[in-house]
Amino acid sequence: MFDDPSKKLTYFEYAAGVLICCWPIMRQAVAEEWADVDTADKRDWMAGAIVDYICSAKDVDPYDIEELILQILQDEFNVGSIEDDSPYILAQDLHRVWQATLEDNFEPIRDIHEHLGKPMVEKQEREENRNKKSSSSAVPELVEGEPSMQEDFPEPSEEESKAPTVDDDGFTVVQRKRR
């Protein structure tokens, strides 16, 4: 995997997408929907824009990439400033992977896949399976000709109806004996 030089751009796009998706600031931006409801789409667009910039610019350096990252965060995600060095670290990682890719060295991409990409995909698959299980265990809709849920449960017995009734405030309601 990741050994065909003719697919170097595809490999780099994958690695850049994984790095951006796993970047803590971007994870928080998506979780809290900093860019409204389509934040995940904007994240994916951002990854594509950064890849396009890196691939088309000559002699791109990490500072240029960081500047683009900060500009996109400000314009698209409504982020005024970031107080840590994580945009520059992300830019360095992207630059390092791009330089290695240009030399047909796909080892950094393999590392990204093993340490970030695989776990991310496995987590998504687990969540999808969990969602499928929870949706399949939901109460099925009533179909004509099938008995309703009410028909499946017997009426409460006299013993159950004699149990004390508790109101919303936690007090036992005194009931008159029935004759």
Protein backbone atom coordinates (compact mmCIF):
# COMPACT_ATOMS: atom_id res chain seq x y z
CA MET A 1 0.00 0.00 0.00
CA PHE A 2 1.19 3.52 -0.80
CA ASP A 3 3.93 2.44 -3.18
CA ASP A 4 2.79 3.53 -6.67
CA PRO A 5 4.65 6.74 -7.69
CA SER A 6 1.96 7.55 -10.28
CA LYS A 7 -0.54 8.00 -7.42
CA LYS A 8 1.61 10.31 -5.31
CA LEU A 9 -0.91 13.17 -5.47
CA THR A 10 -3.72 10.87 -4.32
CA TYR A 11 -1.58 9.61 -1.45
CA PHE A 12 -0.70 13.16 -0.43
CA GLU A 13 -4.37 14.21 -0.54
CA TYR A 14 -5.24 11.28 1.72
CA ALA A 15 -2.46 12.12 4.20
CA ALA A 16 -3.39 15.81 4.26
CA GLY A 17 -7.05 14.96 4.82
CA VAL A 18 -6.21 12.66 7.71
CA LEU A 19 -3.86 15.21 9.31
CA ILE A 20 -6.47 17.95 9.08
CA CYS A 21 -9.29 15.70 10.34
CA CYS A 22 -7.20 14.60 13.32
CA TRP A 23 -5.97 18.10 14.17
CA PRO A 24 -7.48 18.85 17.62
CA ILE A 25 -8.65 22.33 16.66
CA MET A 26 -10.46 20.97 13.61
CA ARG A 27 -12.04 18.14 15.62
CA GLN A 28 -13.35 20.73 18.07
CA ALA A 29 -14.54 22.99 15.24
CA VAL A 30 -16.54 20.15 13.71
CA ALA A 31 -17.92 18.93 17.06
CA GLU A 32 -19.06 22.42 18.04
CA GLU A 33 -20.08 23.42 14.48
CA TRP A 34 -18.01 26.61 14.38
CA ALA A 35 -18.88 27.06 10.70
CA ASP A 36 -22.59 26.36 11.17
CA VAL A 37 -24.09 23.00 10.27
CA ASP A 38 -21.82 22.21 7.33
CA THR A 39 -18.56 22.39 9.28
CA ALA A 40 -17.43 18.90 8.22
CA ASP A 41 -17.90 19.88 4.57
CA LYS A 42 -15.88 23.05 5.12
CA ARG A 43 -13.16 20.98 6.78
CA ASP A 44 -13.00 18.75 3.71
CA TRP A 45 -12.96 21.81 1.45
CA MET A 46 -10.14 23.27 3.56
CA ALA A 47 -8.08 20.11 3.11
CA GLY A 48 -8.58 20.29 -0.65
CA ALA A 49 -7.70 23.98 -0.78
CA ILE A 50 -4.50 23.42 1.19
CA VAL A 51 -3.50 20.48 -1.01
CA ASP A 52 -4.15 22.55 -4.15
CA TYR A 53 -2.06 25.41 -2.76
CA ILE A 54 0.85 23.18 -1.79
CA CYS A 55 0.84 21.34 -5.11
CA SER A 56 0.62 24.47 -7.26
CA ALA A 57 3.05 26.74 -5.40
CA LYS A 58 6.76 26.59 -6.05
CA ASP A 59 9.06 26.61 -3.05
CA VAL A 60 6.20 26.58 -0.56
CA ASP A 61 7.34 26.64 3.06
CA PRO A 62 5.58 25.86 6.34
CA TYR A 63 5.02 29.56 7.09
CA ASP A 64 3.05 29.99 3.86
CA ILE A 65 0.96 26.93 4.67
CA GLU A 66 0.35 28.17 8.22
CA GLU A 67 -0.77 31.54 6.86
CA LEU A 68 -3.29 29.82 4.60
CA ILE A 69 -4.55 27.64 7.47
CA LEU A 70 -5.05 30.68 9.71
CA GLN A 71 -6.77 32.62 6.92
CA ILE A 72 -9.22 29.78 6.25
CA LEU A 73 -9.91 29.37 9.98
CA GLN A 74 -10.68 33.06 10.25
CA ASP A 75 -12.82 33.29 7.11
CA GLU A 76 -14.69 29.99 7.22
CA PHE A 77 -14.69 28.92 10.87
CA ASN A 78 -14.99 32.32 12.56
CA VAL A 79 -11.78 31.81 14.55
CA GLY A 80 -10.13 35.07 15.56
CA SER A 81 -6.82 33.73 16.79
CA ILE A 82 -5.21 30.54 17.97
CA GLU A 83 -2.99 30.78 20.99
CA ASP A 84 -0.90 27.67 20.44
CA ASP A 85 1.53 26.63 17.72
CA SER A 86 -0.66 23.86 16.35
CA PRO A 87 -1.35 25.57 12.98
CA TYR A 88 2.40 25.83 12.38
CA ILE A 89 2.97 22.25 13.52
CA LEU A 90 0.23 21.09 11.13
CA ALA A 91 1.84 23.16 8.36
CA GLN A 92 5.23 21.58 9.09
CA ASP A 93 3.73 18.10 8.95
CA LEU A 94 2.00 18.84 5.64
CA HIS A 95 5.21 20.31 4.21
CA ARG A 96 7.29 17.35 5.38
CA VAL A 97 4.86 14.84 3.86
CA TRP A 98 4.75 16.79 0.58
CA GLN A 99 8.54 16.94 0.32
CA ALA A 100 8.81 13.21 1.00
CA THR A 101 6.09 12.52 -1.57
CA LEU A 102 7.96 14.51 -4.21
CA GLU A 103 10.94 12.21 -3.62
CA ASP A 104 8.69 9.12 -3.94
CA ASN A 105 9.18 8.43 -0.24
CA PHE A 106 5.78 7.28 0.99
CA GLU A 107 6.92 6.23 4.46
CA PRO A 108 5.44 9.33 6.18
CA ILE A 109 2.11 8.58 4.49
CA ARG A 110 2.25 4.97 5.70
CA ASP A 111 2.96 6.22 9.22
CA ILE A 112 0.03 8.63 9.06
CA HIS A 113 -2.21 5.84 7.82
CA GLU A 114 -1.11 3.42 10.55
CA HIS A 115 -1.25 5.86 13.46
CA LEU A 116 -4.12 8.15 12.47
CA GLY A 117 -5.99 6.95 9.39
CA LYS A 118 -6.69 3.35 10.38
CA PRO A 119 -7.91 4.19 13.90
CA MET A 120 -10.09 6.97 12.49
CA VAL A 121 -11.72 4.61 9.97
CA GLU A 122 -12.17 1.88 12.61
CA LYS A 123 -13.81 4.38 14.97
CA GLN A 124 -16.21 5.50 12.22
CA GLU A 125 -17.09 1.88 11.45
CA ARG A 126 -17.76 1.17 15.14
CA GLU A 127 -20.03 4.22 15.36
CA GLU A 128 -21.89 3.20 12.20
CA ASN A 129 -22.37 -0.33 13.57
CA ARG A 130 -23.57 1.08 16.89
CA ASN A 131 -26.02 3.35 15.06
CA LYS A 132 -27.28 0.42 12.98
CA LYS A 133 -27.80 -1.69 16.11
CA SER A 134 -29.60 1.09 17.95
CA SER A 135 -31.85 1.84 14.99
CA SER A 136 -32.67 -1.85 14.46
CA SER A 137 -33.48 -2.31 18.14
CA ALA A 138 -35.89 0.61 18.10
CA VAL A 139 -39.59 -0.13 18.44
CA PRO A 140 -40.88 -1.20 15.05
CA GLU A 141 -43.68 0.76 13.45
CA LEU A 142 -47.18 -0.70 13.62
CA VAL A 143 -48.12 -2.53 10.46
CA GLU A 144 -51.73 -3.19 9.57
CA GLY A 145 -52.82 -6.67 10.53
CA GLU A 146 -50.26 -6.99 13.32
CA PRO A 147 -51.36 -6.77 16.94
CA SER A 148 -50.61 -3.49 18.66
CA MET A 149 -48.28 -3.18 21.63
CA GLN A 150 -51.26 -2.58 23.89
CA GLU A 151 -52.70 -5.97 23.04
CA ASP A 152 -49.48 -7.67 24.12
CA PHE A 153 -49.64 -6.45 27.71
CA PRO A 154 -52.35 -7.60 30.13
CA GLU A 155 -54.27 -5.14 32.28
CA PRO A 156 -52.74 -4.56 35.72
CA SER A 157 -53.95 -6.99 38.37
CA GLU A 158 -55.79 -5.89 41.51
CA GLU A 159 -52.60 -6.26 43.56
CA GLU A 160 -50.74 -3.87 41.27
CA SER A 161 -53.58 -1.35 41.34
CA LYS A 162 -53.54 -1.40 45.19
CA ALA A 163 -49.97 -0.08 45.22
CA PRO A 164 -49.73 3.43 46.66
CA THR A 165 -49.84 6.28 44.16
CA VAL A 166 -47.10 8.89 44.45
CA ASP A 167 -47.59 12.41 43.08
CA ASP A 168 -44.98 14.60 41.37
CA ASP A 169 -43.74 16.01 44.68
CA GLY A 170 -43.08 12.57 46.12
CA PHE A 171 -46.07 12.41 48.46
CA THR A 172 -48.30 9.38 48.67
CA VAL A 173 -51.79 10.16 47.45
CA VAL A 174 -54.52 9.05 49.86
CA GLN A 175 -57.28 7.28 47.99
CA ARG A 176 -60.73 6.43 49.15
CA LYS A 177 -61.62 2.75 49.38
CA ARG A 178 -63.82 1.60 46.59
CA ARG A 179 -67.08 -0.14 47.47
